[in-house]
Protein backbone atom coordinates (compact mmCIF):
# COMPACT_ATOMS: atom_id res chain seq x y z
CA UNK A 1 206.30 -74.54 143.35
CA UNK A 2 206.87 -75.08 139.99
CA UNK A 3 207.16 -73.01 137.36
CA UNK A 4 207.13 -73.79 133.47
CA UNK A 5 208.77 -71.75 131.02
CA UNK A 6 207.97 -72.40 127.09
CA UNK A 7 209.52 -70.51 124.34
CA UNK A 8 209.69 -71.52 120.28
CA UNK A 9 206.65 -70.18 118.77
CA UNK A 10 206.48 -68.07 115.73
CA UNK A 11 205.32 -67.36 112.09
CA UNK A 12 205.50 -69.81 110.00
CA UNK A 13 203.73 -70.59 106.07
CA UNK A 14 201.95 -73.41 105.77
CA UNK A 15 204.57 -76.88 105.52
CA UNK A 16 206.91 -75.36 107.72
CA UNK A 17 208.50 -76.24 111.20
CA UNK A 18 208.99 -75.27 114.31
CA UNK A 19 210.39 -76.52 117.48
CA UNK A 20 208.89 -75.55 120.63
CA UNK A 21 210.44 -75.88 124.28
CA UNK A 22 208.99 -76.19 127.96
CA UNK A 23 211.14 -76.29 130.97
CA UNK A 24 210.03 -76.97 134.55
CA UNK A 25 211.48 -75.77 137.22
CA UNK A 26 211.64 -76.09 140.99
CA UNK A 27 212.23 -78.47 144.00
CA UNK A 28 210.17 -81.05 145.62
CA UNK A 29 208.18 -82.53 142.77
CA UNK A 30 208.76 -85.65 140.75
CA UNK A 31 207.18 -85.45 137.13
CA UNK A 32 204.45 -87.67 135.89
CA UNK A 33 203.72 -86.38 132.58
CA UNK A 34 204.79 -83.25 130.60
CA UNK A 35 202.95 -82.51 127.63
CA UNK A 36 201.37 -79.79 125.52
CA UNK A 37 197.86 -78.08 124.87
CA UNK A 38 196.78 -75.78 122.47
CA UNK A 39 193.87 -73.50 122.14
CA UNK A 40 192.43 -72.01 119.11
CA UNK A 41 190.01 -69.41 118.56
CA UNK A 42 186.43 -70.83 118.42
CA UNK A 43 187.67 -74.29 119.47
CA UNK A 44 188.15 -76.34 122.56
CA UNK A 45 191.42 -76.71 124.53
CA UNK A 46 193.45 -79.76 122.71
CA UNK A 47 195.61 -82.05 124.02
CA UNK A 48 198.28 -82.10 121.01
CA UNK A 49 201.05 -84.49 122.68
CA UNK A 50 202.19 -85.68 125.93
CA UNK A 51 204.98 -87.79 127.44
CA UNK A 52 205.00 -89.72 130.39
CA UNK A 53 207.41 -90.79 133.31
CA UNK A 54 207.51 -94.44 131.54
CA UNK A 55 208.42 -92.88 128.28
CA UNK A 56 204.83 -93.53 126.71
CA UNK A 57 203.85 -90.55 124.42
CA UNK A 58 200.55 -89.58 123.04
CA UNK A 59 199.59 -87.56 120.22
CA UNK A 60 196.10 -86.36 119.10
CA UNK A 61 195.14 -87.60 115.58
CA UNK A 62 195.18 -84.49 114.18
CA UNK A 63 199.38 -84.44 114.60
CA UNK A 64 200.11 -87.92 114.63
CA UNK A 65 203.46 -88.45 111.95
CA UNK A 66 204.06 -84.54 111.82
CA UNK A 67 204.40 -83.71 115.56
CA UNK A 68 207.14 -85.71 117.53
CA UNK A 69 207.42 -84.94 121.64
CA UNK A 70 210.68 -86.07 122.76
CA UNK A 71 212.08 -85.07 126.49
CA UNK A 72 215.62 -84.39 128.24
CA UNK A 73 215.03 -86.07 131.77
CA UNK A 74 218.16 -84.14 133.11
CA UNK A 75 216.87 -80.87 132.09
CA UNK A 76 213.34 -81.70 133.01
CA UNK A 77 212.36 -80.14 129.68
CA UNK A 78 210.34 -81.33 126.66
CA UNK A 79 210.66 -80.69 123.03
CA UNK A 80 207.69 -80.30 120.33
CA UNK A 81 208.87 -80.83 116.93
CA UNK A 82 206.24 -79.62 114.37
CA UNK A 83 206.35 -80.54 111.00
CA UNK A 84 204.32 -79.87 107.87
CA UNK A 85 202.39 -77.41 109.72
CA UNK A 86 199.13 -76.08 108.39
CA UNK A 87 196.98 -73.21 108.88
CA UNK A 88 194.79 -75.46 111.48
CA UNK A 89 197.78 -75.57 113.77
CA UNK A 90 197.60 -71.93 114.29
CA UNK A 91 196.80 -71.66 118.04
CA UNK A 92 198.37 -70.85 121.73
CA UNK A 93 200.37 -73.79 122.69
CA UNK A 94 200.34 -74.33 126.70
CA UNK A 95 202.94 -76.25 128.27
CA UNK A 96 201.41 -78.67 131.01
CA UNK A 97 203.18 -80.69 133.57
CA UNK A 98 201.66 -83.07 136.07
CA UNK A 99 203.69 -83.77 139.55
CA UNK A 100 202.97 -87.25 140.96
CA UNK A 101 201.86 -85.32 144.11
CA UNK A 102 198.31 -84.69 144.17
CA UNK A 103 198.56 -84.92 140.60
CA UNK A 104 198.93 -81.40 140.57
CA UNK A 105 198.90 -79.43 137.28
CA UNK A 106 201.47 -76.65 136.30
CA UNK A 107 200.89 -74.23 133.41
CA UNK A 108 203.52 -71.97 130.86
CA UNK A 109 201.90 -68.83 130.21
CA UNK A 110 201.65 -70.47 126.50
CA UNK A 111 203.63 -69.44 123.23
CA UNK A 112 201.76 -68.54 119.58
CA UNK A 113 201.93 -70.45 116.37
CA UNK A 114 200.61 -69.23 113.36
CA UNK A 115 200.41 -71.00 110.52
CA UNK A 116 199.68 -68.54 107.39
CA UNK A 117 198.57 -70.82 104.66
């Protein structure tokens, strides 16, 4: 079993920055990808950023140039540096881990990011 724990959400003014962290722990798993999804009221869940085992990264168009995903492989941890935040970035951010074994998905409980105008 894999446990996924996020941290770092909070309230920030527009134009500000936040850094989210996510750590995956457990035994007997190999990570295929780790990433961040977000869910805002009235909107569909959106993949915000993802980093894959080969180091390739993906960013949603809405966050390109403002968000940066990075990883610490030794600690099975990823970070999402969010700069130039906008009110539209307000959402619950969920960390997602995909294992090579059966492409199993594991999720954190989510962390709330609120950007005030």
